[in-house]
């Protein structure tokens, strides 16, 4: 693919983002391709080295603040007629509760995701507490001459210690996955506010 074909396709793929963001991305990738060609790559190799178009678009959407997308979406491209203004005002009892409900759903999804992260790490902290407490209690029982309860508490402490060690990797993996899912959710919400332009 040539540089011009790539930039033309990228412009279409980024349609709906604010114009200044689209122009900034086009200039950035144009310069990147030029730099790679100056390093000795062919035009096709330089374009291929930029990366998949889908990744570029996803990154662009994730980096644009949602406030900017909302402003771009709700700012009319032309003056509203009196009838359109009246329709917006009369429709307020319908569209405003729907907007509030949508925001509440998105907020609850984020709260649920981050509550899961807190819950995972809460269990991990509990396991470490049980491990330390079990070993400490076993030592106290040992000093007091209660061998059997001491052995039992030592076993509980060692079991909790092993579970806590395994749990660290599980918590880290779960946290990364949940944060990644949260990022994808954010990109998905932003895509709802991207104004689709005609490509004709």
C-alpha atoms as a PDB file:
ATOM      1  CA  UNK A   1       0.000   0.000   0.000  1.00  0.00           C
ATOM      2  CA  UNK A   2       1.312   3.441  -0.880  1.00  0.00           C
ATOM      3  CA  UNK A   3       1.581   6.296   1.585  1.00  0.00           C
ATOM      4  CA  UNK A   4      -1.259   8.227  -0.031  1.00  0.00           C
ATOM      5  CA  UNK A   5      -3.563   5.175  -0.022  1.00  0.00           C
ATOM      6  CA  UNK A   6      -2.770   4.555   3.633  1.00  0.00           C
ATOM      7  CA  UNK A   7      -3.448   8.161   4.634  1.00  0.00           C
ATOM      8  CA  UNK A   8      -6.696   8.213   2.638  1.00  0.00           C
ATOM      9  CA  UNK A   9      -7.909   5.041   4.362  1.00  0.00           C
ATOM     10  CA  UNK A  10      -6.814   6.344   7.744  1.00  0.00           C
ATOM     11  CA  UNK A  11      -8.751   9.561   7.187  1.00  0.00           C
ATOM     12  CA  UNK A  12     -11.891   7.539   6.457  1.00  0.00           C
ATOM     13  CA  UNK A  13     -11.294   5.294   9.490  1.00  0.00           C
ATOM     14  CA  UNK A  14     -10.879   8.312  11.770  1.00  0.00           C
ATOM     15  CA  UNK A  15     -13.958  10.074  10.377  1.00  0.00           C
ATOM     16  CA  UNK A  16     -16.122  11.202  13.259  1.00  0.00           C
ATOM     17  CA  UNK A  17     -13.260  12.318  15.489  1.00  0.00           C
ATOM     18  CA  UNK A  18     -12.752  16.086  15.863  1.00  0.00           C
ATOM     19  CA  UNK A  19     -11.071  17.537  12.758  1.00  0.00           C
ATOM     20  CA  UNK A  20      -7.995  18.745  14.649  1.00  0.00           C
ATOM     21  CA  UNK A  21      -7.447  15.225  16.018  1.00  0.00           C
ATOM     22  CA  UNK A  22      -7.764  13.685  12.540  1.00  0.00           C
ATOM     23  CA  UNK A  23      -5.326  16.228  11.065  1.00  0.00           C
ATOM     24  CA  UNK A  24      -2.862  15.627  13.910  1.00  0.00           C
ATOM     25  CA  UNK A  25      -2.951  11.841  13.358  1.00  0.00           C
ATOM     26  CA  UNK A  26      -2.568  12.163   9.598  1.00  0.00           C
ATOM     27  CA  UNK A  27       0.438  14.484   9.990  1.00  0.00           C
ATOM     28  CA  UNK A  28       1.997  12.193  12.603  1.00  0.00           C
ATOM     29  CA  UNK A  29       1.756   9.053  10.455  1.00  0.00           C
ATOM     30  CA  UNK A  30       2.785  10.925   7.320  1.00  0.00           C
ATOM     31  CA  UNK A  31       5.984  12.032   9.067  1.00  0.00           C
ATOM     32  CA  UNK A  32       6.532   8.544  10.485  1.00  0.00           C
ATOM     33  CA  UNK A  33       6.341   7.008   7.013  1.00  0.00           C
ATOM     34  CA  UNK A  34       8.671   9.692   5.619  1.00  0.00           C
ATOM     35  CA  UNK A  35      11.179   9.026   8.401  1.00  0.00           C
ATOM     36  CA  UNK A  36      11.146   5.282   7.723  1.00  0.00           C
ATOM     37  CA  UNK A  37      11.644   5.894   4.005  1.00  0.00           C
ATOM     38  CA  UNK A  38      14.627   8.140   4.787  1.00  0.00           C
ATOM     39  CA  UNK A  39      16.065   5.231   6.802  1.00  0.00           C
ATOM     40  CA  UNK A  40      16.068   3.138   3.620  1.00  0.00           C
ATOM     41  CA  UNK A  41      12.736   1.325   3.743  1.00  0.00           C
ATOM     42  CA  UNK A  42      10.611   1.143   0.624  1.00  0.00           C
ATOM     43  CA  UNK A  43       7.291   3.000   0.658  1.00  0.00           C
ATOM     44  CA  UNK A  44       5.345  -0.262   1.119  1.00  0.00           C
ATOM     45  CA  UNK A  45       7.650  -1.398   3.957  1.00  0.00           C
ATOM     46  CA  UNK A  46       7.396   1.990   5.649  1.00  0.00           C
ATOM     47  CA  UNK A  47       3.589   1.858   5.511  1.00  0.00           C
ATOM     48  CA  UNK A  48       3.509  -1.741   6.739  1.00  0.00           C
ATOM     49  CA  UNK A  49       5.756  -0.820   9.659  1.00  0.00           C
ATOM     50  CA  UNK A  50       3.228   1.706  10.967  1.00  0.00           C
ATOM     51  CA  UNK A  51       0.992  -1.089  12.263  1.00  0.00           C
ATOM     52  CA  UNK A  52      -2.576  -2.312  11.736  1.00  0.00           C
ATOM     53  CA  UNK A  53      -5.183   0.320  10.931  1.00  0.00           C
ATOM     54  CA  UNK A  54      -7.532  -1.009  13.628  1.00  0.00           C
ATOM     55  CA  UNK A  55      -4.920  -0.534  16.350  1.00  0.00           C
ATOM     56  CA  UNK A  56      -4.239   3.016  15.196  1.00  0.00           C
ATOM     57  CA  UNK A  57      -7.943   3.916  15.297  1.00  0.00           C
ATOM     58  CA  UNK A  58      -8.465   2.290  18.715  1.00  0.00           C
ATOM     59  CA  UNK A  59      -5.489   4.170  20.141  1.00  0.00           C
ATOM     60  CA  UNK A  60      -6.726   7.440  18.653  1.00  0.00           C
ATOM     61  CA  UNK A  61     -10.188   6.973  20.159  1.00  0.00           C
ATOM     62  CA  UNK A  62      -8.755   6.017  23.561  1.00  0.00           C
ATOM     63  CA  UNK A  63      -6.554   9.132  23.680  1.00  0.00           C
ATOM     64  CA  UNK A  64      -9.262  11.656  22.790  1.00  0.00           C
ATOM     65  CA  UNK A  65     -11.017  12.927  25.956  1.00  0.00           C
ATOM     66  CA  UNK A  66     -14.676  11.912  26.081  1.00  0.00           C
ATOM     67  CA  UNK A  67     -15.628  15.524  26.848  1.00  0.00           C
ATOM     68  CA  UNK A  68     -14.187  16.552  23.477  1.00  0.00           C
ATOM     69  CA  UNK A  69     -16.103  13.782  21.696  1.00  0.00           C
ATOM     70  CA  UNK A  70     -19.371  14.743  23.418  1.00  0.00           C
ATOM     71  CA  UNK A  71     -18.835  18.402  22.528  1.00  0.00           C
ATOM     72  CA  UNK A  72     -18.118  17.451  18.907  1.00  0.00           C
ATOM     73  CA  UNK A  73     -21.208  15.252  18.846  1.00  0.00           C
ATOM     74  CA  UNK A  74     -23.684  17.719  20.326  1.00  0.00           C
ATOM     75  CA  UNK A  75     -22.386  20.826  18.562  1.00  0.00           C
ATOM     76  CA  UNK A  76     -24.660  21.290  15.557  1.00  0.00           C
ATOM     77  CA  UNK A  77     -23.002  21.627  12.164  1.00  0.00           C
ATOM     78  CA  UNK A  78     -25.622  24.215  11.246  1.00  0.00           C
ATOM     79  CA  UNK A  79     -28.063  26.521  13.012  1.00  0.00           C
ATOM     80  CA  UNK A  80     -31.048  24.731  14.500  1.00  0.00           C
ATOM     81  CA  UNK A  81     -34.466  25.739  13.243  1.00  0.00           C
ATOM     82  CA  UNK A  82     -37.203  26.828  15.627  1.00  0.00           C
ATOM     83  CA  UNK A  83     -38.985  23.498  15.131  1.00  0.00           C
ATOM     84  CA  UNK A  84     -35.867  21.526  16.015  1.00  0.00           C
ATOM     85  CA  UNK A  85     -35.314  23.593  19.169  1.00  0.00           C
ATOM     86  CA  UNK A  86     -38.954  23.074  20.160  1.00  0.00           C
ATOM     87  CA  UNK A  87     -38.621  19.319  19.523  1.00  0.00           C
ATOM     88  CA  UNK A  88     -35.527  19.140  21.757  1.00  0.00           C
ATOM     89  CA  UNK A  89     -37.323  21.034  24.537  1.00  0.00           C
ATOM     90  CA  UNK A  90     -40.525  18.980  24.262  1.00  0.00           C
ATOM     91  CA  UNK A  91     -38.521  15.747  24.117  1.00  0.00           C
ATOM     92  CA  UNK A  92     -36.579  16.620  27.278  1.00  0.00           C
ATOM     93  CA  UNK A  93     -38.780  14.448  29.564  1.00  0.00           C
ATOM     94  CA  UNK A  94     -37.937  11.481  27.321  1.00  0.00           C
ATOM     95  CA  UNK A  95     -34.288  11.884  26.349  1.00  0.00           C
ATOM     96  CA  UNK A  96     -32.968  13.269  29.650  1.00  0.00           C
ATOM     97  CA  UNK A  97     -33.989  10.256  31.806  1.00  0.00           C
ATOM     98  CA  UNK A  98     -32.578   7.944  29.124  1.00  0.00           C
ATOM     99  CA  UNK A  99     -29.293   9.845  29.214  1.00  0.00           C
ATOM    100  CA  UNK A 100     -29.170   9.659  33.023  1.00  0.00           C
ATOM    101  CA  UNK A 101     -29.949   5.912  32.907  1.00  0.00           C
ATOM    102  CA  UNK A 102     -27.192   5.346  30.338  1.00  0.00           C
ATOM    103  CA  UNK A 103     -24.651   7.222  32.481  1.00  0.00           C
ATOM    104  CA  UNK A 104     -25.775   5.269  35.564  1.00  0.00           C
ATOM    105  CA  UNK A 105     -25.301   1.951  33.744  1.00  0.00           C
ATOM    106  CA  UNK A 106     -21.791   2.877  32.591  1.00  0.00           C
ATOM    107  CA  UNK A 107     -20.895   4.101  36.084  1.00  0.00           C
ATOM    108  CA  UNK A 108     -22.219   0.901  37.689  1.00  0.00           C
ATOM    109  CA  UNK A 109     -20.202  -1.224  35.253  1.00  0.00           C
ATOM    110  CA  UNK A 110     -17.004   0.616  36.209  1.00  0.00           C
ATOM    111  CA  UNK A 111     -17.825   0.336  39.927  1.00  0.00           C
ATOM    112  CA  UNK A 112     -18.438  -3.404  39.499  1.00  0.00           C
ATOM    113  CA  UNK A 113     -15.148  -3.922  37.655  1.00  0.00           C
ATOM    114  CA  UNK A 114     -13.065  -2.041  40.198  1.00  0.00           C
ATOM    115  CA  UNK A 115     -14.941  -3.700  43.079  1.00  0.00           C
ATOM    116  CA  UNK A 116     -13.752  -7.015  41.679  1.00  0.00           C
ATOM    117  CA  UNK A 117     -10.151  -5.775  41.778  1.00  0.00           C
ATOM    118  CA  UNK A 118     -10.587  -4.669  45.392  1.00  0.00           C
ATOM    119  CA  UNK A 119     -12.231  -8.002  46.289  1.00  0.00           C
ATOM    120  CA  UNK A 120      -9.368 -10.023  44.769  1.00  0.00           C
ATOM    121  CA  UNK A 121      -6.760  -8.036  46.678  1.00  0.00           C
ATOM    122  CA  UNK A 122      -8.887  -8.148  49.837  1.00  0.00           C
ATOM    123  CA  UNK A 123      -8.817 -11.953  49.728  1.00  0.00           C
ATOM    124  CA  UNK A 124      -5.057 -11.824  49.140  1.00  0.00           C
ATOM    125  CA  UNK A 125      -4.507  -9.588  52.172  1.00  0.00           C
ATOM    126  CA  UNK A 126      -6.731 -11.924  54.212  1.00  0.00           C
ATOM    127  CA  UNK A 127      -4.624 -14.932  53.210  1.00  0.00           C
ATOM    128  CA  UNK A 128      -1.421 -13.167  54.252  1.00  0.00           C
ATOM    129  CA  UNK A 129      -3.073 -12.229  57.552  1.00  0.00           C
ATOM    130  CA  UNK A 130      -4.132 -15.843  58.107  1.00  0.00           C
ATOM    131  CA  UNK A 131      -0.619 -17.056  57.290  1.00  0.00           C
ATOM    132  CA  UNK A 132       1.080 -14.667  59.717  1.00  0.00           C
ATOM    133  CA  UNK A 133      -1.590 -15.183  62.369  1.00  0.00           C
ATOM    134  CA  UNK A 134      -1.458 -18.975  62.033  1.00  0.00           C
ATOM    135  CA  UNK A 135       2.320 -19.155  62.429  1.00  0.00           C
ATOM    136  CA  UNK A 136       2.310 -16.626  65.313  1.00  0.00           C
ATOM    137  CA  UNK A 137      -0.492 -18.514  67.102  1.00  0.00           C
ATOM    138  CA  UNK A 138       1.356 -21.815  66.587  1.00  0.00           C
ATOM    139  CA  UNK A 139       4.452 -20.298  68.210  1.00  0.00           C
ATOM    140  CA  UNK A 140       2.399 -19.045  71.194  1.00  0.00           C
ATOM    141  CA  UNK A 141       0.752 -22.463  71.630  1.00  0.00           C
ATOM    142  CA  UNK A 142       4.190 -24.100  71.384  1.00  0.00           C
ATOM    143  CA  UNK A 143       5.611 -21.906  74.141  1.00  0.00           C
ATOM    144  CA  UNK A 144       2.581 -22.663  76.331  1.00  0.00           C
ATOM    145  CA  UNK A 145       3.020 -26.410  75.833  1.00  0.00           C
ATOM    146  CA  UNK A 146      -0.090 -27.021  73.709  1.00  0.00           C
ATOM    147  CA  UNK A 147       1.504 -29.130  70.972  1.00  0.00           C
ATOM    148  CA  UNK A 148      -1.558 -30.358  69.061  1.00  0.00           C
ATOM    149  CA  UNK A 149      -3.299 -26.980  68.723  1.00  0.00           C
ATOM    150  CA  UNK A 150       0.081 -25.482  67.822  1.00  0.00           C
ATOM    151  CA  UNK A 151       0.611 -28.010  65.030  1.00  0.00           C
ATOM    152  CA  UNK A 152      -2.928 -27.371  63.754  1.00  0.00           C
ATOM    153  CA  UNK A 153      -2.394 -23.606  63.675  1.00  0.00           C
ATOM    154  CA  UNK A 154       0.977 -24.069  62.012  1.00  0.00           C
ATOM    155  CA  UNK A 155      -0.706 -26.172  59.319  1.00  0.00           C
ATOM    156  CA  UNK A 156      -3.372 -23.516  58.783  1.00  0.00           C
ATOM    157  CA  UNK A 157      -0.697 -20.805  58.612  1.00  0.00           C
ATOM    158  CA  UNK A 158       1.415 -22.724  56.092  1.00  0.00           C
ATOM    159  CA  UNK A 159      -1.647 -23.528  53.961  1.00  0.00           C
ATOM    160  CA  UNK A 160      -2.636 -19.836  53.947  1.00  0.00           C
ATOM    161  CA  UNK A 161       0.956 -18.885  53.112  1.00  0.00           C
ATOM    162  CA  UNK A 162       0.982 -21.215  50.083  1.00  0.00           C
ATOM    163  CA  UNK A 163      -2.440 -19.960  48.942  1.00  0.00           C
ATOM    164  CA  UNK A 164      -1.269 -16.338  49.331  1.00  0.00           C
ATOM    165  CA  UNK A 165       1.819 -16.968  47.173  1.00  0.00           C
ATOM    166  CA  UNK A 166      -0.324 -18.537  44.437  1.00  0.00           C
ATOM    167  CA  UNK A 167      -2.905 -15.781  44.896  1.00  0.00           C
ATOM    168  CA  UNK A 168      -0.449 -13.006  44.065  1.00  0.00           C
ATOM    169  CA  UNK A 169      -0.117 -14.125  40.443  1.00  0.00           C
ATOM    170  CA  UNK A 170      -3.883 -14.643  40.203  1.00  0.00           C
ATOM    171  CA  UNK A 171      -4.564 -11.157  41.607  1.00  0.00           C
ATOM    172  CA  UNK A 172      -2.063  -9.513  39.253  1.00  0.00           C
ATOM    173  CA  UNK A 173      -3.479 -11.332  36.208  1.00  0.00           C
ATOM    174  CA  UNK A 174      -7.071 -10.579  37.245  1.00  0.00           C
ATOM    175  CA  UNK A 175      -6.262  -6.906  37.859  1.00  0.00           C
ATOM    176  CA  UNK A 176      -4.582  -6.539  34.460  1.00  0.00           C
ATOM    177  CA  UNK A 177      -7.520  -8.248  32.753  1.00  0.00           C
ATOM    178  CA  UNK A 178     -10.104  -6.106  34.548  1.00  0.00           C
ATOM    179  CA  UNK A 179      -8.239  -2.859  33.808  1.00  0.00           C
ATOM    180  CA  UNK A 180      -7.916  -3.917  30.164  1.00  0.00           C
ATOM    181  CA  UNK A 181     -11.650  -4.652  30.050  1.00  0.00           C
ATOM    182  CA  UNK A 182     -12.312  -1.256  31.624  1.00  0.00           C
ATOM    183  CA  UNK A 183     -10.201   0.381  28.913  1.00  0.00           C
ATOM    184  CA  UNK A 184     -12.136  -1.434  26.186  1.00  0.00           C
ATOM    185  CA  UNK A 185     -15.399  -0.354  27.814  1.00  0.00           C
ATOM    186  CA  UNK A 186     -14.168   3.243  27.784  1.00  0.00           C
ATOM    187  CA  UNK A 187     -13.257   3.036  24.096  1.00  0.00           C
ATOM    188  CA  UNK A 188     -16.665   1.495  23.355  1.00  0.00           C
ATOM    189  CA  UNK A 189     -18.455   4.331  25.147  1.00  0.00           C
ATOM    190  CA  UNK A 190     -16.366   6.908  23.278  1.00  0.00           C
ATOM    191  CA  UNK A 191     -17.242   5.281  19.955  1.00  0.00           C
ATOM    192  CA  UNK A 192     -20.923   5.980  20.705  1.00  0.00           C
ATOM    193  CA  UNK A 193     -20.153   9.700  20.600  1.00  0.00           C
ATOM    194  CA  UNK A 194     -18.182   9.647  17.366  1.00  0.00           C
ATOM    195  CA  UNK A 195     -20.101  11.370  14.631  1.00  0.00           C
ATOM    196  CA  UNK A 196     -20.099   9.179  11.537  1.00  0.00           C
ATOM    197  CA  UNK A 197     -19.370  11.258   8.498  1.00  0.00           C
ATOM    198  CA  UNK A 198     -20.323  10.381   4.992  1.00  0.00           C
ATOM    199  CA  UNK A 199     -17.438   8.909   3.020  1.00  0.00           C
ATOM    200  CA  UNK A 200     -18.940   9.622  -0.377  1.00  0.00           C
END
